[in-house]
Structure formats: structure tokens, C-alpha cells
């Protein structure tokens, strides 16, 4: 997101977060970009104040192809079955999935570019019912076709579009399903460790700068005191723990004072939108939460975007006024756990979410933001 520094008036790129599980709207963002390209060529010239066809610089968005290619790369990297089964790709989704059309576009792309790779959808709640682990040293994950239990596939990759929120784990069976998935040989998108790497707490730790003799956690992954490290650090906002460390006690003081809390957002370790506490609501919210639970939150300095006015089409109605845009860049990564070798590391298109500037949340599926595409100026 673009941050406007009040002191200097300069614009900077600031990182909001990074997601490592169920990053949605790759299929829909691709089609949103295509829609805007079509409208710019056919409809915009018919406006009362016409815009000449094809004069807008609308960059191509390859999110559908890019994300599908990452899944396909994992499928092809998985060896042929020692058990004589055909390999498959398994989309694990939530029961009653509302975001099915976004996911379908990825399936259609895989069917187009890898027509011999079977793709199946399975609700997370039915995972134990229709899968098993082979009694072998490799622990292959087997998928038994619900309509024909005698037909078995070996799962090459599990693409998780579920399992990221507490609601996905209502009972012990759900945890058993995740354990079965994790201990299997199937490539996971993501593994539980990769999922945890995307939590707010990890973001806070990576964004904490070096102090005195204490090196930053980021220095374990990128050389400190380099131009690259400095440029990356510039994208971080101030993020604090809410524990009882010295930094955590400072954050608690900021969060409990309504005057200073107005510049911050309180974030739990949750994904999916609608979970954050903003500005003046923070002190009262903390008062309602047992103090021993405060350590499960992080306190993040708010990003202040420059003023932008635009139109939003929401539920068939046009809304006009100030807007905020948040750009997300998709990427795919495939690595060999044993050797640490990176087999694939590619960008995979983008997602632009736009919301009214009075809205503090930004999730599209949660009803706060809208799909958008970039116009380069």
C-alpha cells in the first residue's frame, strides 16, 4: 500500500502483510483486468466525456496462469506412483464454499495446460472419509473417489483453500485430518510450517530492527548492512509485540492510551478479513480481553495513503468518493525440503483491492473491498 509520509510529503511503499495460505481471487483478479481492458476499448469512448480507445495503460495480469502453473509444477515434480495409481491434484475447500468461482478458474486453467492432470475438490470436513495414508515408508496420500471407492488416486499436491481459521477446526476430527495431511508424502500448499510463517507474529519479528548487539531475525535470510536489506526494511511499518517484553510493554502503553492508539491497528493471528481492531476502539477492546491473551496480538502502525477519488460499483450501486487501494502480488514457490533447493520461485500476477476511505477492513470476500485493476500513469 502507498504511504504518504506527513513529515516529508513523500510517498513510500509499505507492506501490509503476507499470506501463505488460501490467497484468493487469483482467478477473479485476472478476469477483472480483462473486463477493464475490454471496457476501455469499447465502452469508454461512448462516455459523455469520451476516453479514446486503447489509450489507458492497463498492465496485463497473469494471476490465473501464474497460480495454476505453480500447482502444475508441483504435480509434475511429484514422482510417478510406486503403487500403480494415477496422480491427482486435490483442492481442499471449506464446506459450503462461497468463493467457488474464483477457485474454478484455476481448475479450468490446469485442465487447459495440463489436461492429463486430474483435479478433484474435497471439503475439509470430508478429508478423513475419502483419503487414507498408504502403509508404506513413503506414506503416500491416497484419494478414494466418493462415487467409486474402488478407484484410487495418489495425491501429488494438496492445494488448501481451507484450514486457515478456527472455524475450520470445530472438533478433534478436523485436527486429525490436518495431521493426516501433514504426515503424508503429498506436496502441501502450504505445509503447516509455511502457514505459520505467514502469521502476524512472524511478520512482527521479521520487521523488528537490530538493536545494539542483537541482530534482527531478518538477517538470517538476507545480508544485513546492504542496499537490498535497507530497501526491504523501508517497506516495514512499526510493528510491536503485545507481550511483557520491553517492546511489548511500550506497545501496551500506546494501545491503552486513546490518543496514541488512534495511529495503530491491533491484529490477532487470523486470516480472512474482519478480525482487526482499529484506532480508538483498541483500548476498550483490550479491556474486554483477559490480559494473559494480549500476547497473541501485534500492534501495527497504520499506513496513511494519499487521498484518491474514484467510483466503486458495489451490489449494483455506484459509490463515489475517497478510496484506498491495496496491491497484492502473487507468487509461487516450490522447494525440496531435504536439500533446500529452490525448484521454482515466480511471480504470478496481482490483485488490486479498492475500498472506501472510511472502511478500515479490506477483505473482498468479507464484504469490505472491491476487485480492481491497475492503471499506470
Foldseek 3Di string as FASTA:
>chain_A
DWFQDPVPRDIDAADPFDAQAQPFDLQVLQVQLVVVLVCQQPPQCVDPPHDHRPPFDFDHFQQLVFVLVLQVVLQVVFDADPVPFAEAEEEEAAVVDPRVVRVVSNVVSCCVPPVVHHYYYHYLVCQVVFWAFDPDPQRFIWGQDPVGNVHIHTYQEYRYNDDFDPVQPPDVVSVVSLVSVQPHNHCYSPHVVSRVCRWPVVVQQQLDCADDPRHGPVCVPPPPPDPVVVSVNSNYFHKFFCDPPPRNVVVVVQQQDLVNQQQKKKAARHDDKDGIHGRNCRNVVCVVDPSVCSRRIMITGDGHHDWDWDWDQDPNDIDTDTKDKDKAWAWHWDADPVVRHTPDTGIRGIWIWMFHPVQPMTHVVVPGTDTHGDTDD
